[in-house]
Amino acid sequence: MANDVIQGTGNVFADLGLPEAADRQTKARLAMQVNALLKERRIKQTDAAAILHVPQSKVSALANYRLDQFSVEKLMSFLNLLDCDVEIVIRPRRDAVGHTSVFALS
C-alpha cells in the first residue's frame, strides 16, 4: 500500500468527480456563511424561517447542508436578509483554467 499524497484542486467536489463541482462549492461556502451568522446570532430555526421567508424545513435542510433545493441566488438572498452585502467580482483569469471562488470577510 503506497502512502502517496495527492494534492487537491481546492474544490473537494471536483476532487470527488461530482458534477457541477464549482456550483456545489459556491453553494457550500454561501451556506456556511448563512449558518455561521444564524449560529452567531443565536437565531432558532423557526425564527430563521421567518427572517428568510422559507418554511422551517428549508432552514433545517440548509443547516444540514442539503443544498440541492437551493440556488446560488437564493443563498445570496439569504445573506442579504441577514444584513450582509454580497459582491461578485469578475476579473481576467490568471491561469489556463478559470476559477470560481467565494470569500467571506468579517
N, C-alpha and C. Protein backbone atom coordinates (compact mmCIF):
# COMPACT_ATOMS: atom_id res chain seq x y z
N MET A 1 0.86 -1.18 0.00
CA MET A 1 0.00 0.00 0.00
C MET A 1 0.90 1.24 0.00
N ALA A 2 0.70 2.10 -0.93
CA ALA A 2 1.50 3.31 -1.05
C ALA A 2 0.91 4.42 -0.20
N ASN A 3 1.77 5.27 0.30
CA ASN A 3 1.34 6.43 1.09
C ASN A 3 1.50 7.70 0.27
N ASP A 4 1.20 7.63 -1.00
CA ASP A 4 1.32 8.79 -1.87
C ASP A 4 0.31 9.85 -1.47
N VAL A 5 0.75 11.08 -1.47
CA VAL A 5 -0.12 12.21 -1.18
C VAL A 5 -0.48 12.86 -2.49
N ILE A 6 -1.78 13.04 -2.68
CA ILE A 6 -2.25 13.69 -3.90
C ILE A 6 -2.80 15.05 -3.51
N GLN A 7 -2.27 16.08 -4.12
CA GLN A 7 -2.73 17.43 -3.82
C GLN A 7 -4.09 17.67 -4.46
N GLY A 8 -5.00 18.21 -3.66
CA GLY A 8 -6.34 18.52 -4.15
C GLY A 8 -6.35 19.77 -5.00
N THR A 9 -7.47 19.97 -5.66
CA THR A 9 -7.63 21.13 -6.53
C THR A 9 -8.09 22.36 -5.76
N GLY A 10 -8.50 22.16 -4.50
CA GLY A 10 -9.11 23.26 -3.75
C GLY A 10 -10.62 23.18 -3.80
N ASN A 11 -11.14 22.25 -4.58
CA ASN A 11 -12.58 22.03 -4.65
C ASN A 11 -12.82 20.54 -4.42
N VAL A 12 -13.26 20.21 -3.22
CA VAL A 12 -13.46 18.80 -2.85
C VAL A 12 -14.47 18.12 -3.76
N PHE A 13 -15.44 18.86 -4.25
CA PHE A 13 -16.45 18.28 -5.14
C PHE A 13 -15.83 17.87 -6.47
N ALA A 14 -14.92 18.68 -6.98
CA ALA A 14 -14.20 18.33 -8.21
C ALA A 14 -13.27 17.15 -7.95
N ASP A 15 -12.60 17.17 -6.81
CA ASP A 15 -11.69 16.07 -6.47
C ASP A 15 -12.43 14.74 -6.37
N LEU A 16 -13.69 14.78 -5.96
CA LEU A 16 -14.50 13.57 -5.87
C LEU A 16 -15.16 13.21 -7.20
N GLY A 17 -14.98 14.06 -8.21
CA GLY A 17 -15.53 13.80 -9.53
C GLY A 17 -17.03 14.05 -9.63
N LEU A 18 -17.56 14.87 -8.74
CA LEU A 18 -19.00 15.15 -8.75
C LEU A 18 -19.35 16.16 -9.84
N PRO A 19 -20.54 16.04 -10.43
CA PRO A 19 -20.95 17.00 -11.44
C PRO A 19 -21.21 18.37 -10.83
N GLU A 20 -21.09 19.40 -11.62
CA GLU A 20 -21.35 20.79 -11.19
C GLU A 20 -20.55 21.15 -9.93
N ALA A 21 -19.28 20.78 -9.94
CA ALA A 21 -18.43 20.96 -8.76
C ALA A 21 -18.30 22.42 -8.33
N ALA A 22 -18.13 23.33 -9.28
CA ALA A 22 -17.98 24.75 -8.93
C ALA A 22 -19.25 25.28 -8.27
N ASP A 23 -20.41 24.90 -8.81
CA ASP A 23 -21.69 25.32 -8.25
C ASP A 23 -21.88 24.75 -6.84
N ARG A 24 -21.52 23.49 -6.66
CA ARG A 24 -21.64 22.86 -5.34
C ARG A 24 -20.75 23.56 -4.31
N GLN A 25 -19.53 23.89 -4.72
CA GLN A 25 -18.62 24.55 -3.80
C GLN A 25 -19.12 25.95 -3.44
N THR A 26 -19.62 26.67 -4.42
CA THR A 26 -20.16 28.01 -4.17
C THR A 26 -21.33 27.92 -3.21
N LYS A 27 -22.24 26.99 -3.43
CA LYS A 27 -23.39 26.82 -2.53
C LYS A 27 -22.93 26.47 -1.12
N ALA A 28 -21.96 25.58 -1.01
CA ALA A 28 -21.47 25.17 0.31
C ALA A 28 -20.87 26.35 1.06
N ARG A 29 -20.09 27.17 0.38
CA ARG A 29 -19.47 28.31 1.06
C ARG A 29 -20.51 29.36 1.46
N LEU A 30 -21.49 29.59 0.60
CA LEU A 30 -22.55 30.53 0.96
C LEU A 30 -23.37 29.99 2.14
N ALA A 31 -23.68 28.70 2.09
CA ALA A 31 -24.44 28.08 3.18
C ALA A 31 -23.65 28.14 4.49
N MET A 32 -22.35 27.96 4.42
CA MET A 32 -21.52 28.06 5.62
C MET A 32 -21.66 29.45 6.25
N GLN A 33 -21.68 30.47 5.42
CA GLN A 33 -21.82 31.83 5.93
C GLN A 33 -23.20 32.06 6.56
N VAL A 34 -24.24 31.60 5.88
CA VAL A 34 -25.59 31.76 6.42
C VAL A 34 -25.68 31.04 7.76
N ASN A 35 -25.23 29.79 7.80
CA ASN A 35 -25.30 29.02 9.04
C ASN A 35 -24.46 29.64 10.15
N ALA A 36 -23.30 30.17 9.81
CA ALA A 36 -22.45 30.81 10.82
C ALA A 36 -23.14 32.05 11.40
N LEU A 37 -23.78 32.83 10.54
CA LEU A 37 -24.50 34.02 11.03
C LEU A 37 -25.67 33.64 11.93
N LEU A 38 -26.42 32.62 11.54
CA LEU A 38 -27.55 32.18 12.36
C LEU A 38 -27.06 31.68 13.72
N LYS A 39 -25.97 30.94 13.71
CA LYS A 39 -25.41 30.42 14.97
C LYS A 39 -24.86 31.55 15.83
N GLU A 40 -24.10 32.44 15.20
CA GLU A 40 -23.50 33.57 15.92
C GLU A 40 -24.57 34.45 16.58
N ARG A 41 -25.67 34.62 15.88
CA ARG A 41 -26.75 35.48 16.39
C ARG A 41 -27.76 34.69 17.24
N ARG A 42 -27.49 33.40 17.40
CA ARG A 42 -28.36 32.51 18.19
C ARG A 42 -29.82 32.56 17.72
N ILE A 43 -29.98 32.51 16.41
CA ILE A 43 -31.32 32.54 15.83
C ILE A 43 -31.83 31.11 15.69
N LYS A 44 -32.96 30.82 16.27
CA LYS A 44 -33.55 29.49 16.18
C LYS A 44 -34.11 29.27 14.79
N GLN A 45 -34.28 27.99 14.42
CA GLN A 45 -34.74 27.67 13.07
C GLN A 45 -36.10 28.27 12.75
N THR A 46 -37.01 28.30 13.71
CA THR A 46 -38.33 28.87 13.44
C THR A 46 -38.23 30.37 13.18
N ASP A 47 -37.36 31.04 13.93
CA ASP A 47 -37.15 32.48 13.70
C ASP A 47 -36.41 32.71 12.38
N ALA A 48 -35.45 31.85 12.08
CA ALA A 48 -34.71 31.97 10.82
C ALA A 48 -35.65 31.81 9.63
N ALA A 49 -36.60 30.89 9.76
CA ALA A 49 -37.57 30.68 8.69
C ALA A 49 -38.35 31.96 8.40
N ALA A 50 -38.74 32.66 9.45
CA ALA A 50 -39.47 33.92 9.28
C ALA A 50 -38.58 34.98 8.63
N ILE A 51 -37.34 35.05 9.06
CA ILE A 51 -36.41 36.04 8.52
C ILE A 51 -36.12 35.77 7.04
N LEU A 52 -35.92 34.49 6.71
CA LEU A 52 -35.52 34.10 5.35
C LEU A 52 -36.71 33.85 4.42
N HIS A 53 -37.93 33.94 4.97
CA HIS A 53 -39.15 33.76 4.19
C HIS A 53 -39.23 32.37 3.54
N VAL A 54 -38.88 31.36 4.33
CA VAL A 54 -38.97 29.97 3.88
C VAL A 54 -39.56 29.13 5.00
N PRO A 55 -40.07 27.95 4.70
CA PRO A 55 -40.54 27.07 5.77
C PRO A 55 -39.38 26.60 6.65
N GLN A 56 -39.69 26.24 7.88
CA GLN A 56 -38.66 25.77 8.81
C GLN A 56 -37.94 24.55 8.25
N SER A 57 -38.62 23.73 7.48
CA SER A 57 -37.98 22.54 6.90
C SER A 57 -36.83 22.92 5.97
N LYS A 58 -36.95 24.05 5.29
CA LYS A 58 -35.87 24.53 4.41
C LYS A 58 -34.68 25.00 5.25
N VAL A 59 -34.95 25.62 6.39
CA VAL A 59 -33.86 26.04 7.28
C VAL A 59 -33.14 24.81 7.81
N SER A 60 -33.89 23.77 8.13
CA SER A 60 -33.28 22.52 8.58
C SER A 60 -32.40 21.92 7.49
N ALA A 61 -32.89 21.92 6.26
CA ALA A 61 -32.10 21.41 5.12
C ALA A 61 -30.81 22.22 4.97
N LEU A 62 -30.93 23.53 5.09
CA LEU A 62 -29.77 24.41 5.00
C LEU A 62 -28.77 24.11 6.11
N ALA A 63 -29.26 23.94 7.33
CA ALA A 63 -28.40 23.67 8.48
C ALA A 63 -27.66 22.34 8.32
N ASN A 64 -28.28 21.42 7.60
CA ASN A 64 -27.67 20.10 7.37
C ASN A 64 -26.98 20.00 6.01
N TYR A 65 -26.82 21.14 5.34
CA TYR A 65 -26.11 21.24 4.07
C TYR A 65 -26.71 20.34 2.99
N ARG A 66 -28.01 20.18 3.02
CA ARG A 66 -28.73 19.52 1.92
C ARG A 66 -29.12 20.65 0.97
N LEU A 67 -28.22 20.98 0.07
CA LEU A 67 -28.31 22.22 -0.70
C LEU A 67 -28.88 22.06 -2.10
N ASP A 68 -29.30 20.86 -2.47
CA ASP A 68 -29.82 20.66 -3.82
C ASP A 68 -31.09 21.46 -4.09
N GLN A 69 -31.80 21.85 -3.04
CA GLN A 69 -33.04 22.63 -3.22
C GLN A 69 -32.82 24.14 -3.20
N PHE A 70 -31.55 24.56 -3.13
CA PHE A 70 -31.24 25.99 -3.10
C PHE A 70 -30.38 26.37 -4.29
N SER A 71 -30.68 27.52 -4.87
CA SER A 71 -29.82 28.06 -5.92
C SER A 71 -28.78 28.98 -5.27
N VAL A 72 -27.74 29.28 -6.01
CA VAL A 72 -26.74 30.23 -5.53
C VAL A 72 -27.41 31.57 -5.24
N GLU A 73 -28.32 31.97 -6.13
CA GLU A 73 -29.02 33.25 -5.96
C GLU A 73 -29.85 33.27 -4.68
N LYS A 74 -30.51 32.17 -4.38
CA LYS A 74 -31.33 32.10 -3.16
C LYS A 74 -30.45 32.21 -1.91
N LEU A 75 -29.32 31.52 -1.92
CA LEU A 75 -28.40 31.59 -0.78
C LEU A 75 -27.84 33.01 -0.61
N MET A 76 -27.57 33.68 -1.72
CA MET A 76 -27.11 35.07 -1.64
C MET A 76 -28.22 35.96 -1.09
N SER A 77 -29.47 35.69 -1.46
CA SER A 77 -30.58 36.49 -0.94
C SER A 77 -30.74 36.27 0.56
N PHE A 78 -30.45 35.05 1.05
CA PHE A 78 -30.49 34.81 2.49
C PHE A 78 -29.47 35.69 3.21
N LEU A 79 -28.28 35.82 2.63
CA LEU A 79 -27.26 36.67 3.23
C LEU A 79 -27.71 38.13 3.25
N ASN A 80 -28.38 38.57 2.19
CA ASN A 80 -28.93 39.93 2.18
C ASN A 80 -29.95 40.11 3.29
N LEU A 81 -30.81 39.11 3.47
CA LEU A 81 -31.82 39.19 4.53
C LEU A 81 -31.21 39.18 5.92
N LEU A 82 -29.97 38.68 6.01
CA LEU A 82 -29.24 38.68 7.28
C LEU A 82 -28.30 39.88 7.38
N ASP A 83 -28.63 40.92 6.60
CA ASP A 83 -27.91 42.21 6.64
C ASP A 83 -26.46 42.13 6.16
N CYS A 84 -26.22 41.30 5.17
CA CYS A 84 -24.89 41.21 4.57
C CYS A 84 -24.96 41.65 3.12
N ASP A 85 -23.91 42.28 2.65
CA ASP A 85 -23.76 42.58 1.24
C ASP A 85 -23.03 41.41 0.59
N VAL A 86 -23.40 41.09 -0.63
CA VAL A 86 -22.74 40.04 -1.40
C VAL A 86 -22.23 40.69 -2.67
N GLU A 87 -20.94 40.52 -2.94
CA GLU A 87 -20.33 41.09 -4.13
C GLU A 87 -19.81 39.98 -5.02
N ILE A 88 -19.99 40.16 -6.31
CA ILE A 88 -19.43 39.24 -7.29
C ILE A 88 -18.36 40.03 -8.04
N VAL A 89 -17.16 39.48 -8.06
CA VAL A 89 -16.04 40.15 -8.72
C VAL A 89 -15.65 39.33 -9.94
N ILE A 90 -15.59 40.00 -11.07
CA ILE A 90 -15.19 39.34 -12.31
C ILE A 90 -13.90 40.00 -12.77
N ARG A 91 -12.89 39.17 -13.06
CA ARG A 91 -11.59 39.70 -13.50
C ARG A 91 -10.99 38.73 -14.50
N PRO A 92 -10.02 39.19 -15.27
CA PRO A 92 -9.37 38.27 -16.21
C PRO A 92 -8.73 37.11 -15.44
N ARG A 93 -8.83 35.93 -15.98
CA ARG A 93 -8.27 34.78 -15.26
C ARG A 93 -6.75 34.80 -15.33
N ARG A 94 -6.16 34.25 -14.28
CA ARG A 94 -4.70 34.22 -14.16
C ARG A 94 -4.12 32.92 -14.69
N ASP A 95 -4.91 31.85 -14.63
CA ASP A 95 -4.42 30.54 -15.05
C ASP A 95 -5.07 30.13 -16.36
N ALA A 96 -4.64 29.00 -16.88
CA ALA A 96 -5.21 28.50 -18.12
C ALA A 96 -6.68 28.10 -17.96
N VAL A 97 -7.05 27.76 -16.73
CA VAL A 97 -8.42 27.36 -16.44
C VAL A 97 -9.03 28.39 -15.49
N GLY A 98 -10.25 28.84 -15.78
CA GLY A 98 -10.92 29.81 -14.92
C GLY A 98 -11.33 29.18 -13.60
N HIS A 99 -11.50 30.00 -12.57
CA HIS A 99 -11.87 29.54 -11.25
C HIS A 99 -13.03 30.35 -10.71
N THR A 100 -13.83 29.72 -9.88
CA THR A 100 -14.90 30.40 -9.17
C THR A 100 -14.61 30.30 -7.69
N SER A 101 -14.65 31.42 -6.97
CA SER A 101 -14.34 31.42 -5.55
C SER A 101 -15.36 32.26 -4.79
N VAL A 102 -15.59 31.87 -3.56
CA VAL A 102 -16.43 32.64 -2.65
C VAL A 102 -15.60 32.88 -1.40
N PHE A 103 -15.50 34.15 -1.00
CA PHE A 103 -14.74 34.50 0.18
C PHE A 103 -15.65 35.26 1.14
N ALA A 104 -15.42 35.06 2.40
CA ALA A 104 -16.18 35.77 3.42
C ALA A 104 -15.25 36.72 4.15
N LEU A 105 -15.67 37.96 4.26
CA LEU A 105 -14.92 38.95 5.01
C LEU A 105 -15.66 39.21 6.31
N SER A 106 -14.93 39.28 7.36
CA SER A 106 -15.57 39.55 8.66
C SER A 106 -15.78 41.02 8.88
